[in-house]
């Protein structure tokens, strides 16, 4: 089963860019980076030369012994078994964080052999970079790969329903004949989330137990990464942080509390462990802002943040919420005080907007779930996990700052009410498009 990813357009654009640099795909393990590069190479090049530094550690010698790109190409061609040709062969360096010399060699590909198409991927590249490993700054192009989004999931599961969603061009209610099936599809997405192997298990094999096992295997693989790649002193702390996320998000006040990780825990003890999870791309740290000013980053309160997982399916599995909840009305959306729904919304906002979201509070009176910056516009966002959409917080925010537009995600239909736009949860991917219709 092939799921069309929106990031594939970026790969095609990179190929034809006259100022193309070696490409580095970033993203957590198991989000589909390797598949994307291999599929891209098979579709748009005559040949693919694939090298994995984790599986083939001897490859490192080619880069340790010389900086001469032509000599490196000759050696790689011998391993590949075919000539590596400019413009015709896509060279893929996978798990490139395992070979810092290969990472640095990207600079020489750019400066001395730009005719070669070189793409690389690294699941823990952020961790390697955070340790101070040298990096060819300004000599590479970056592309982030996120988990599969709901719109990508829908395009594979129900192309006709996806075509309808793509055609929406007015801020008016969606007919029930489309609305109700879209809610059902969203429930399915909450079961598998956006990890590609889990999506395939659910859509192609239609096997919920297999989906459960795939997600558990991913969770287990991440735990092994903690032990293998993190500093030994940080491994227990990383495990404690990771395990605490469901309970942190299950509280009414979702501000991250170190005391909930372990009795007596202090921030300075866990900062390195938290940074490791963030650099590995496994969590998103969303800061509170003191006021909605531009740029939002200037108003970060670094002492207060929420912690979310990269994927709603992983959060459901880590929370041990049984998929049978799909049969119980809107329970999947409301479980853990709407934590799954908030995580779902956040991972889509991260994917669709350049500036990372924040959140806002006003003492103990109000909390707006997310604040996003779209160009020079600041938009407050409220997330409602069911059809109960009453919100004192958004009203307080509105009276204080009078934003030109406010957004509420819920299971209510698409509707514009003065400056408030209610967007159904299954349309989060289309937020920017819908706001442009005002």
Foldseek 3Di string as FASTA:
>chain_A
DDFDDPCLVVVVVLLPPPLHAAEEEEAAPQQCPVVSVVVSQVVQAQEEQEDECVVPVVLLVLLVPDLDVVSNQVVSCVVSVHRQDFSRYEYEYEQCLNHLSVQVSSQVCSVPPVSHHYYYYHLLNLVSVVVVRDHPPPRYHYDYRAFDALLSLCCVQPVVLSVVLVPDQALDFDDPVNLVVLVLSVLLCLQQWRRVVLSCCCRVVVDSVVSLVVLVVVVVVVLVCLVVPPDPLQSVLLVLVVLQQLVLLLDPPNKDDQCSSDNPDDCVSNVVSVVSCVSSNFKDWAFEFADPAPPRVVRGDVVTTGIATSISNNSCSSVVPDSVCSVVPLCSCCPSNRSSLLNSLQNLCVVQAPDRWHKYDDPPQAIFSTWDQDPNAIETEHEDSEPPDDGPRVVVSCVVPVGQAYEYEYSDTFHDDRRYTYHHSSCSNCVVSNVVSD
